[in-house]
Amino acid sequence: MTYGDEMGAKTKQTRQSIDNLRGEIAFREKLSRQHVTGERLLPDYYGKEEPVAGTAQALKIITITARAHGWAERLYGLKPADAAKDPAAAMGNQFAIEDAIMKAGVGRSRTADANSIMYTSKANQLYRLSDDEVKGMKARILFVPAKTDTIFPPALSERAAARYRAQGGVAEVVVIDGDGGHNDGVFEVAKQGDAIKAFLAK
């Protein structure tokens, strides 16, 4: 192979990698829209068979969204779901994290209401407070975001606190340290227990 042939092959590989990346991004964007709106994955099912498979997929996506890469690396890394089935050997061979998240989605889908998921997603999209509504609030607010939360990142809490203070309100922000993503706001909230107690005692 000549130098020109080698460079041509590398260029082709690079273009293919870029095309694959674009496809992956488009696919993830599609999944995100389906999760948020409930379209396709969770259609209106009243009077029809309940969409258990779609619910399981939606719950799988919710889990992925609610966690963070540090949590995934710490618990699963690149371990295969089955030690005898190398994920690199066949498309159907999964990593442990793929298997665990899918099984969790399937398990939760048996008791989750698909319609509730759709309406909760829509409510999250529509929720917002006007300046007049913020001005009418009297409560002191303590925002307790999780450091690695990508749904409600600390920056949004800081922005909301600044907005409330600008309207004359009292607001503080303390951040939960951890690599568990959004779920740290539930499972690791005790890390800011002293700050919460101090705020409530004021």
Protein backbone atom coordinates (compact mmCIF):
# COMPACT_ATOMS: atom_id res chain seq x y z
CA MET A 1 0.00 0.00 0.00
CA THR A 2 1.39 3.40 -0.97
CA TYR A 3 1.43 6.40 1.33
CA GLY A 4 -1.39 7.93 -0.73
CA ASP A 5 -3.49 4.78 -0.42
CA GLU A 6 -2.89 4.69 3.35
CA MET A 7 -3.90 8.33 3.77
CA GLY A 8 -6.97 7.76 1.60
CA ALA A 9 -8.03 4.81 3.77
CA LYS A 10 -7.53 6.84 6.96
CA THR A 11 -9.55 9.71 5.50
CA LYS A 12 -12.36 7.30 4.62
CA GLN A 13 -12.31 5.87 8.14
CA THR A 14 -12.43 9.37 9.65
CA ARG A 15 -15.40 10.33 7.48
CA GLN A 16 -17.15 7.10 8.44
CA SER A 17 -16.53 7.82 12.13
CA ILE A 18 -17.97 11.31 11.74
CA ASP A 19 -21.02 9.92 9.93
CA ASN A 20 -21.49 7.32 12.70
CA LEU A 21 -21.22 10.04 15.34
CA ARG A 22 -23.80 12.17 13.56
CA GLY A 23 -26.11 9.18 13.37
CA GLU A 24 -25.65 8.48 17.08
CA ILE A 25 -26.42 12.09 17.97
CA ALA A 26 -29.55 12.08 15.80
CA PHE A 27 -30.68 8.80 17.35
CA ARG A 28 -30.19 10.11 20.91
CA GLU A 29 -32.05 13.32 20.06
CA LYS A 30 -34.94 11.23 18.75
CA LEU A 31 -34.98 9.13 21.90
CA SER A 32 -34.92 12.29 24.02
CA ARG A 33 -37.92 13.73 22.19
CA GLN A 34 -39.78 10.46 22.59
CA HIS A 35 -39.02 10.40 26.31
CA VAL A 36 -40.09 14.00 26.87
CA THR A 37 -43.24 13.99 24.77
CA GLY A 38 -44.28 10.37 25.10
CA GLU A 39 -44.69 10.13 21.32
CA ARG A 40 -44.40 6.65 19.79
CA LEU A 41 -42.91 5.06 22.90
CA LEU A 42 -45.99 5.84 24.96
CA PRO A 43 -49.07 6.36 22.76
CA ASP A 44 -52.54 6.99 24.11
CA TYR A 45 -53.62 3.53 25.19
CA TYR A 46 -57.03 4.01 26.82
CA GLY A 47 -59.30 1.20 25.74
CA LYS A 48 -56.33 -0.66 24.26
CA GLU A 49 -53.57 -2.94 25.46
CA GLU A 50 -51.27 -1.18 27.91
CA PRO A 51 -47.90 -0.28 26.27
CA VAL A 52 -45.64 -2.19 28.65
CA ALA A 53 -42.74 -2.35 26.19
CA GLY A 54 -42.90 1.39 25.50
CA THR A 55 -43.12 2.12 29.21
CA ALA A 56 -40.04 -0.02 29.84
CA GLN A 57 -38.11 1.87 27.16
CA ALA A 58 -39.20 5.24 28.58
CA LEU A 59 -38.15 4.20 32.09
CA LYS A 60 -34.82 3.01 30.71
CA ILE A 61 -34.23 6.44 29.15
CA ILE A 62 -35.30 8.15 32.37
CA THR A 63 -32.72 6.11 34.29
CA ILE A 64 -29.98 7.02 31.81
CA THR A 65 -30.96 10.69 32.05
CA ALA A 66 -31.16 10.64 35.84
CA ARG A 67 -27.72 9.14 36.35
CA ALA A 68 -24.19 10.29 35.47
CA HIS A 69 -21.12 8.76 33.86
CA GLY A 70 -19.20 8.61 37.15
CA TRP A 71 -21.87 6.39 38.66
CA ALA A 72 -21.86 4.16 35.58
CA GLU A 73 -18.09 3.79 35.57
CA ARG A 74 -17.92 3.10 39.30
CA LEU A 75 -20.62 0.42 39.34
CA TYR A 76 -20.24 -1.19 35.94
CA GLY A 77 -17.30 0.06 33.93
CA LEU A 78 -16.93 -2.06 30.80
CA LYS A 79 -17.93 -5.36 32.42
CA PRO A 80 -19.96 -7.66 30.16
CA ALA A 81 -23.44 -8.75 31.17
CA ASP A 82 -22.29 -12.32 30.67
CA ALA A 83 -18.62 -13.18 31.19
CA ALA A 84 -18.89 -15.77 28.42
CA LYS A 85 -20.26 -13.28 25.89
CA ASP A 86 -17.77 -10.57 24.92
CA PRO A 87 -19.70 -7.45 23.77
CA ALA A 88 -17.09 -7.06 21.00
CA ALA A 89 -17.83 -10.53 19.62
CA ALA A 90 -21.45 -10.01 18.61
CA MET A 91 -23.99 -7.19 18.42
CA GLY A 92 -26.35 -9.05 20.74
CA ASN A 93 -23.77 -9.36 23.52
CA GLN A 94 -24.35 -6.61 26.05
CA PHE A 95 -22.39 -4.72 28.64
CA ALA A 96 -23.52 -5.14 32.24
CA ILE A 97 -24.85 -1.58 32.44
CA GLU A 98 -27.06 -2.10 29.35
CA ASP A 99 -28.49 -5.27 30.81
CA ALA A 100 -29.06 -3.77 34.26
CA ILE A 101 -30.78 -0.60 33.04
CA MET A 102 -33.04 -2.50 30.65
CA LYS A 103 -34.03 -5.01 33.32
CA ALA A 104 -34.78 -2.16 35.72
CA GLY A 105 -37.01 -0.53 33.10
CA VAL A 106 -38.87 -3.77 32.49
CA GLY A 107 -39.31 -4.36 36.21
CA ARG A 108 -40.64 -0.87 36.86
CA SER A 109 -42.95 -0.98 33.83
CA ARG A 110 -45.07 -3.65 35.53
CA THR A 111 -46.21 -1.16 38.18
CA ALA A 112 -45.79 2.18 36.37
CA ASP A 113 -48.67 3.97 34.67
CA ALA A 114 -47.72 5.03 31.14
CA ASN A 115 -50.25 7.84 31.06
CA SER A 116 -48.84 9.28 34.27
CA ILE A 117 -45.36 9.31 32.73
CA MET A 118 -46.64 11.18 29.67
CA TYR A 119 -48.47 13.83 31.68
CA THR A 120 -45.61 14.26 34.14
CA SER A 121 -43.23 14.85 31.23
CA LYS A 122 -45.62 17.40 29.73
CA ALA A 123 -46.06 19.15 33.08
CA ASN A 124 -42.27 19.41 33.42
CA GLN A 125 -42.09 20.99 29.97
CA LEU A 126 -44.78 23.57 30.69
CA TYR A 127 -43.87 24.55 34.26
CA ARG A 128 -42.55 28.09 34.72
CA LEU A 129 -43.10 31.04 37.03
CA SER A 130 -43.69 34.60 35.87
CA ASP A 131 -41.93 37.51 37.58
CA ASP A 132 -45.24 38.51 39.18
CA GLU A 133 -45.63 35.02 40.63
CA VAL A 134 -42.09 35.11 41.96
CA LYS A 135 -42.71 38.52 43.54
CA GLY A 136 -45.71 37.11 45.35
CA MET A 137 -43.70 34.39 47.06
CA LYS A 138 -42.82 34.89 50.72
CA ALA A 139 -41.00 31.68 51.61
CA ARG A 140 -37.28 31.40 52.21
CA ILE A 141 -35.86 28.93 49.70
CA LEU A 142 -32.92 26.56 50.02
CA PHE A 143 -31.94 24.98 46.71
CA VAL A 144 -30.17 21.64 47.12
CA PRO A 145 -29.04 20.47 43.66
CA ALA A 146 -26.74 17.51 43.01
CA LYS A 147 -23.32 18.28 41.57
CA THR A 148 -23.61 15.89 38.62
CA ASP A 149 -27.33 16.36 37.95
CA THR A 150 -27.84 17.05 34.24
CA ILE A 151 -31.63 17.47 34.57
CA PHE A 152 -31.47 20.26 37.16
CA PRO A 153 -27.78 21.23 37.21
CA PRO A 154 -26.51 23.48 40.02
CA ALA A 155 -26.20 26.38 37.56
CA LEU A 156 -29.99 26.45 37.21
CA SER A 157 -30.40 26.56 40.99
CA GLU A 158 -27.93 29.45 41.18
CA ARG A 159 -29.86 31.27 38.46
CA ALA A 160 -33.20 30.69 40.20
CA ALA A 161 -31.80 31.81 43.55
CA ALA A 162 -30.37 34.98 41.99
CA ARG A 163 -33.72 35.71 40.35
CA TYR A 164 -35.57 35.25 43.64
CA ARG A 165 -33.13 37.47 45.54
CA ALA A 166 -33.49 40.14 42.85
CA GLN A 167 -37.23 40.15 43.61
CA GLY A 168 -36.53 40.68 47.32
CA GLY A 169 -36.68 37.03 48.39
CA VAL A 170 -34.29 35.03 50.53
CA ALA A 171 -32.57 32.14 48.76
CA GLU A 172 -29.48 30.03 49.31
CA VAL A 173 -27.83 27.21 47.37
CA VAL A 174 -25.91 24.21 48.70
CA VAL A 175 -24.66 21.47 46.38
CA ILE A 176 -24.68 17.73 47.04
CA ASP A 177 -21.31 16.25 46.09
CA GLY A 178 -21.34 12.93 44.25
CA ASP A 179 -21.23 11.17 40.91
CA GLY A 180 -24.76 9.73 40.90
CA GLY A 181 -26.46 12.40 38.82
CA HIS A 182 -30.05 13.51 39.45
CA ASN A 183 -30.70 10.61 41.83
CA ASP A 184 -28.14 11.97 44.29
CA GLY A 185 -30.78 14.54 45.15
CA VAL A 186 -32.66 11.69 46.82
CA PHE A 187 -30.08 9.12 47.86
CA GLU A 188 -27.30 11.49 48.96
CA VAL A 189 -29.26 14.42 50.36
CA ALA A 190 -27.98 13.59 53.88
CA LYS A 191 -24.60 14.97 52.79
CA GLN A 192 -26.15 18.43 53.12
CA GLY A 193 -28.18 17.51 56.20
CA ASP A 194 -26.38 20.01 58.45
CA ALA A 195 -26.90 22.84 55.94
CA ILE A 196 -30.60 21.99 55.67
CA LYS A 197 -31.00 21.91 59.46
CA ALA A 198 -29.16 25.23 59.80
CA PHE A 199 -31.37 26.84 57.16
CA LEU A 200 -34.57 25.61 58.78
CA ALA A 201 -33.36 26.85 62.18
CA LYS A 202 -32.94 30.44 60.96
